[in-house]
Every structure is written in C-alpha cells, then in structure tokens.
C-alpha cells in the first residue's frame, strides 16, 4: 500500500476528510496547506518526516521505527 492510500485510509477511519486534514496540518505547522498541496505531496510521495509525524498526531497515531534485526 502506498503512502497516499494509507493516509486516506487512516484519515477516513477517523471520520476526517483530506481537506480537513490539510487545514489541521497547516495549523500545526503554521504553514499554508490546501487540499491540493497535500494531495500533490501524497501523489509524489514527498511528505517530509515532520509532516508525517504531525499527520499521525492529528489522527491520533504514532510513527514507530522498528528494529527488523531483533527477533
């Protein structure tokens, strides 16, 4: 599953639209985010780690790095 579909699925599971997510993302980062700019980043798979962390926070999720070498 690509990042666009994952974010859309997680957003939908929280009863939120991508438009509302873009508004909340902009408010959290003190930047202008529109639906189109968010969608463009999702299509290009060019979200920054900071943006991904804020999106996770907005949707009440946590990003984790899991050590794949530890059984």
C-alpha atoms as a PDB file:
ATOM      1  CA  UNK A   1       0.000   0.000   0.000  1.00  0.00           C
ATOM      2  CA  UNK A   2       1.426   3.387  -0.938  1.00  0.00           C
ATOM      3  CA  UNK A   3       1.517   6.387   1.392  1.00  0.00           C
ATOM      4  CA  UNK A   4      -1.416   8.092  -0.325  1.00  0.00           C
ATOM      5  CA  UNK A   5      -3.760   5.162   0.182  1.00  0.00           C
ATOM      6  CA  UNK A   6      -2.512   4.606   3.733  1.00  0.00           C
ATOM      7  CA  UNK A   7      -3.108   8.238   4.757  1.00  0.00           C
ATOM      8  CA  UNK A   8      -6.519   8.246   3.040  1.00  0.00           C
ATOM      9  CA  UNK A   9      -7.490   5.056   4.857  1.00  0.00           C
ATOM     10  CA  UNK A  10      -6.299   6.327   8.254  1.00  0.00           C
ATOM     11  CA  UNK A  11      -7.986   9.693   7.715  1.00  0.00           C
ATOM     12  CA  UNK A  12     -11.247   8.028   6.756  1.00  0.00           C
ATOM     13  CA  UNK A  13     -11.067   5.723   9.776  1.00  0.00           C
ATOM     14  CA  UNK A  14     -11.074   8.837  11.972  1.00  0.00           C
ATOM     15  CA  UNK A  15     -14.079  10.295  10.142  1.00  0.00           C
ATOM     16  CA  UNK A  16     -11.991  13.082   8.651  1.00  0.00           C
ATOM     17  CA  UNK A  17     -11.520  14.318   5.102  1.00  0.00           C
ATOM     18  CA  UNK A  18      -8.195  15.094   3.451  1.00  0.00           C
ATOM     19  CA  UNK A  19      -9.363  18.713   3.212  1.00  0.00           C
ATOM     20  CA  UNK A  20      -9.822  18.894   7.000  1.00  0.00           C
ATOM     21  CA  UNK A  21      -6.509  17.089   7.497  1.00  0.00           C
ATOM     22  CA  UNK A  22      -4.787  19.697   5.313  1.00  0.00           C
ATOM     23  CA  UNK A  23      -6.314  22.507   7.401  1.00  0.00           C
ATOM     24  CA  UNK A  24      -5.183  20.908  10.666  1.00  0.00           C
ATOM     25  CA  UNK A  25      -1.725  20.201   9.240  1.00  0.00           C
ATOM     26  CA  UNK A  26      -1.370  23.840   8.245  1.00  0.00           C
ATOM     27  CA  UNK A  27      -2.435  24.995  11.703  1.00  0.00           C
ATOM     28  CA  UNK A  28       0.019  22.635  13.440  1.00  0.00           C
ATOM     29  CA  UNK A  29       2.952  23.643  11.231  1.00  0.00           C
ATOM     30  CA  UNK A  30       1.996  27.321  10.889  1.00  0.00           C
ATOM     31  CA  UNK A  31       2.038  26.964   7.106  1.00  0.00           C
ATOM     32  CA  UNK A  32      -0.475  27.192   4.314  1.00  0.00           C
ATOM     33  CA  UNK A  33      -1.726  23.738   3.343  1.00  0.00           C
ATOM     34  CA  UNK A  34      -4.556  23.215   0.912  1.00  0.00           C
ATOM     35  CA  UNK A  35      -6.233  20.002  -0.105  1.00  0.00           C
ATOM     36  CA  UNK A  36      -4.431  20.246  -3.452  1.00  0.00           C
ATOM     37  CA  UNK A  37      -0.994  20.756  -1.931  1.00  0.00           C
ATOM     38  CA  UNK A  38      -1.476  17.818   0.441  1.00  0.00           C
ATOM     39  CA  UNK A  39      -2.786  15.635  -2.357  1.00  0.00           C
ATOM     40  CA  UNK A  40       0.182  16.619  -4.533  1.00  0.00           C
ATOM     41  CA  UNK A  41       2.619  15.596  -1.803  1.00  0.00           C
ATOM     42  CA  UNK A  42       0.790  12.297  -1.350  1.00  0.00           C
ATOM     43  CA  UNK A  43       0.784  11.628  -5.097  1.00  0.00           C
ATOM     44  CA  UNK A  44       4.501  12.414  -5.387  1.00  0.00           C
ATOM     45  CA  UNK A  45       5.224  10.567  -2.136  1.00  0.00           C
ATOM     46  CA  UNK A  46       7.159  13.619  -0.978  1.00  0.00           C
ATOM     47  CA  UNK A  47       5.911  14.089   2.577  1.00  0.00           C
ATOM     48  CA  UNK A  48       8.643  15.053   4.997  1.00  0.00           C
ATOM     49  CA  UNK A  49       9.131  13.050   8.165  1.00  0.00           C
ATOM     50  CA  UNK A  50       7.937  16.063  10.163  1.00  0.00           C
ATOM     51  CA  UNK A  51       4.726  16.240   8.105  1.00  0.00           C
ATOM     52  CA  UNK A  52       4.169  12.512   8.565  1.00  0.00           C
ATOM     53  CA  UNK A  53       4.665  12.845  12.327  1.00  0.00           C
ATOM     54  CA  UNK A  54       2.183  15.718  12.536  1.00  0.00           C
ATOM     55  CA  UNK A  55      -0.358  13.834  10.417  1.00  0.00           C
ATOM     56  CA  UNK A  56      -0.001  10.836  12.732  1.00  0.00           C
ATOM     57  CA  UNK A  57      -0.505  13.092  15.754  1.00  0.00           C
ATOM     58  CA  UNK A  58      -3.599  14.721  14.222  1.00  0.00           C
ATOM     59  CA  UNK A  59      -5.071  11.288  13.525  1.00  0.00           C
ATOM     60  CA  UNK A  60      -4.085  10.040  16.988  1.00  0.00           C
ATOM     61  CA  UNK A  61      -1.466   7.569  15.763  1.00  0.00           C
ATOM     62  CA  UNK A  62       2.228   7.215  16.480  1.00  0.00           C
ATOM     63  CA  UNK A  63       5.035   6.626  13.997  1.00  0.00           C
ATOM     64  CA  UNK A  64       7.485   3.974  15.138  1.00  0.00           C
ATOM     65  CA  UNK A  65      10.788   2.738  13.843  1.00  0.00           C
ATOM     66  CA  UNK A  66      11.011  -0.992  14.434  1.00  0.00           C
ATOM     67  CA  UNK A  67      14.331  -2.808  14.523  1.00  0.00           C
ATOM     68  CA  UNK A  68      13.964  -5.563  11.949  1.00  0.00           C
ATOM     69  CA  UNK A  69      17.187  -7.239  13.056  1.00  0.00           C
ATOM     70  CA  UNK A  70      15.932  -8.014  16.537  1.00  0.00           C
ATOM     71  CA  UNK A  71      13.786 -11.151  16.724  1.00  0.00           C
END
